[in-house]
Structures are given as structure tokens and as C-alpha cells.
Protein backbone atom coordinates (compact mmCIF):
# COMPACT_ATOMS: atom_id res chain seq x y z
CA MET A 1 -27.84 27.75 -14.16
CA ILE A 2 -26.06 25.87 -11.41
CA GLY A 3 -22.57 27.04 -10.53
CA TYR A 4 -19.62 24.66 -10.57
CA GLU A 5 -18.93 25.10 -6.88
CA ASP A 6 -22.26 24.61 -5.15
CA PHE A 7 -20.48 22.33 -2.65
CA GLU A 8 -17.04 21.12 -1.63
CA ILE A 9 -16.40 17.77 0.02
CA THR A 10 -12.95 16.85 1.33
CA MET A 11 -11.48 13.46 2.10
CA THR A 12 -8.15 11.67 2.35
CA ARG A 13 -7.06 9.31 -0.42
CA GLY A 14 -7.86 5.69 0.41
CA ASP A 15 -10.16 6.52 3.34
CA GLU A 16 -13.83 5.79 3.63
CA ARG A 17 -15.78 9.03 3.91
CA ALA A 18 -19.37 9.53 5.03
CA VAL A 19 -20.97 12.92 4.46
CA ARG A 20 -24.48 14.19 5.15
CA PHE A 21 -25.42 17.39 3.44
CA THR A 22 -28.38 19.42 2.34
CA VAL A 23 -28.74 20.01 -1.39
CA ILE A 24 -29.31 23.76 -1.78
CA ASP A 25 -30.93 25.54 -4.72
CA THR A 26 -28.42 28.35 -5.20
CA ASN A 27 -30.78 30.09 -7.64
CA ASN A 28 -33.77 30.16 -5.27
CA SER A 29 -32.83 32.02 -2.09
CA SER A 30 -30.66 29.15 -0.89
CA GLN A 31 -33.67 26.92 -0.20
CA PRO A 32 -33.23 23.13 0.02
CA VAL A 33 -33.97 21.22 -3.18
CA ASP A 34 -37.03 19.01 -2.75
CA LEU A 35 -35.84 15.59 -3.91
CA THR A 36 -39.28 14.00 -3.57
CA GLY A 37 -40.02 12.00 -6.70
CA TYR A 38 -36.40 11.88 -7.87
CA THR A 39 -35.14 8.49 -8.98
CA ASN A 40 -31.79 7.22 -10.21
CA LEU A 41 -29.86 9.76 -8.11
CA GLN A 42 -26.15 9.57 -8.80
CA PHE A 43 -23.06 11.32 -7.40
CA LEU A 44 -20.08 11.34 -9.75
CA ALA A 45 -16.60 12.80 -9.27
CA LYS A 46 -14.33 12.85 -12.32
CA LYS A 47 -10.88 14.09 -13.19
CA ARG A 48 -12.58 16.41 -15.72
CA PHE A 49 -16.27 17.22 -16.20
CA SER A 50 -15.90 16.13 -19.84
CA ASP A 51 -14.79 12.60 -18.85
CA LEU A 52 -17.20 9.78 -19.58
CA ASP A 53 -19.25 8.56 -16.62
CA ALA A 54 -17.50 5.20 -16.90
CA ALA A 55 -14.21 6.97 -16.10
CA ALA A 56 -15.52 8.54 -12.88
CA VAL A 57 -13.21 8.22 -9.89
CA VAL A 58 -16.21 8.15 -7.53
CA ASN A 59 -19.58 6.79 -8.62
CA LEU A 60 -22.29 6.55 -5.95
CA THR A 61 -25.89 5.60 -6.70
CA MET A 62 -29.06 5.12 -4.68
CA GLY A 63 -28.58 1.96 -2.65
CA SER A 64 -24.86 1.96 -3.32
CA GLY A 65 -23.30 4.79 -1.34
CA LEU A 66 -26.06 7.40 -1.81
CA THR A 67 -29.07 7.58 0.51
CA VAL A 68 -31.83 10.19 0.56
CA THR A 69 -32.35 10.86 4.27
CA ASN A 70 -35.00 13.59 4.00
CA ALA A 71 -36.34 14.05 0.46
CA SER A 72 -38.44 17.17 1.04
CA GLY A 73 -35.58 18.78 2.98
CA GLY A 74 -32.98 17.87 0.34
CA VAL A 75 -30.83 15.88 2.79
CA ILE A 76 -28.63 13.09 1.42
CA ASP A 77 -25.92 10.84 2.80
CA LEU A 78 -22.89 9.92 0.71
CA GLU A 79 -20.55 7.09 1.67
CA THR A 80 -17.43 6.90 -0.46
CA PRO A 81 -15.65 3.55 -0.20
CA ARG A 82 -11.87 3.67 0.10
CA ALA A 83 -11.37 1.67 -3.11
CA GLN A 84 -12.82 4.51 -5.19
CA THR A 85 -10.01 6.95 -4.30
CA ASN A 86 -7.20 4.53 -3.46
CA ALA A 87 -6.09 4.25 -7.10
CA LEU A 88 -5.42 8.01 -7.36
CA ALA A 89 -1.80 9.20 -7.28
CA ASN A 90 -0.79 10.16 -3.74
CA ARG A 91 -1.14 13.92 -4.18
CA ARG A 92 -3.93 16.49 -3.83
CA HIS A 93 -6.75 16.13 -6.37
CA GLN A 94 -9.57 18.57 -7.03
CA LEU A 95 -12.25 16.54 -8.79
CA PRO A 96 -15.30 18.16 -10.37
CA ALA A 97 -18.42 16.44 -9.07
CA ILE A 98 -22.12 16.37 -9.88
CA LEU A 99 -25.31 15.20 -8.25
CA ARG A 100 -27.97 14.30 -10.77
CA GLY A 101 -31.12 12.26 -11.11
CA ASP A 102 -34.41 11.80 -12.90
CA ASN A 103 -37.08 14.22 -11.67
CA ALA A 104 -40.74 13.29 -11.10
CA SER A 105 -41.40 13.91 -14.82
CA GLY A 106 -38.68 11.43 -15.75
CA LYS A 107 -36.28 14.07 -17.07
CA ARG A 108 -32.57 13.74 -16.26
CA LYS A 109 -31.38 16.78 -14.32
CA THR A 110 -28.07 17.90 -12.87
CA ILE A 111 -29.07 19.10 -9.42
CA GLN A 112 -25.72 20.42 -8.18
CA ARG A 113 -22.12 20.71 -9.27
CA GLY A 114 -19.20 20.99 -6.91
CA LEU A 115 -15.82 19.65 -5.94
CA LEU A 116 -14.48 16.56 -4.25
CA VAL A 117 -11.04 17.41 -2.88
CA VAL A 118 -8.90 14.36 -2.17
CA TYR A 119 -5.79 14.89 -0.03
CA PRO A 120 -2.73 12.60 -0.04
CA ASN A 121 -2.36 10.07 2.76
């Protein structure tokens, strides 16, 4: 099972933020996750994990803020537009986040769970 804090990304409210990171399999000797064959990758950050996807504060998809840079090495780029955090109250927010997608067999899979920490501006 994937832990809830496999990663932590920080940004300032209302800023654009670009992050490159390697998706790590925390259950397999910290090896990169091979993203080859994954489709429909999505990065969501919500106020609560139980919130509907439509209520996500940050919603990045392949071709719209999420780019796989090195699939076999698990490397992705995330670009969060300022509009996606600008509506938050001007205080610190700790948003649960997930990276998920459809694997080569077509099954939806949560790949990692973590936190997006948004600081006031």
C-alpha cells in the first residue's frame, strides 16, 4: 500500500510552479516507477482526499500541466498554473495529493500519494 506522504511539493499561493520529480515505488526498495504504457496520468490536489475530483484545487493532466519526461525512469514534470491556487484563502494549506493513471492493462491505479503545501503570498 502506498503511504500518504510519498512526496511533498511546496509552492506559494497564486504563483506558477514547475516541478520535476522522480516517482518512487516506496514498497520496492525505492526504485523509480516505470510509467511506460501509462495513459491518462493525472495529478490532483484536494482539500480532503474524500473530495470529489471536480472539487480539486489543482488538476493537472497529460498535455495540460503534466508531462512524462522519462517514462522508464519515472520522471515527470508538473506545471501548476497560478489560477489553480489563487482562489485559496491567503494562509498555509496542506493539500493531500495523488498521482494516478491507467496502467498498460487499462486498470486505474493510484501511483503515489503526497502533499502539496501552499504558502500565503
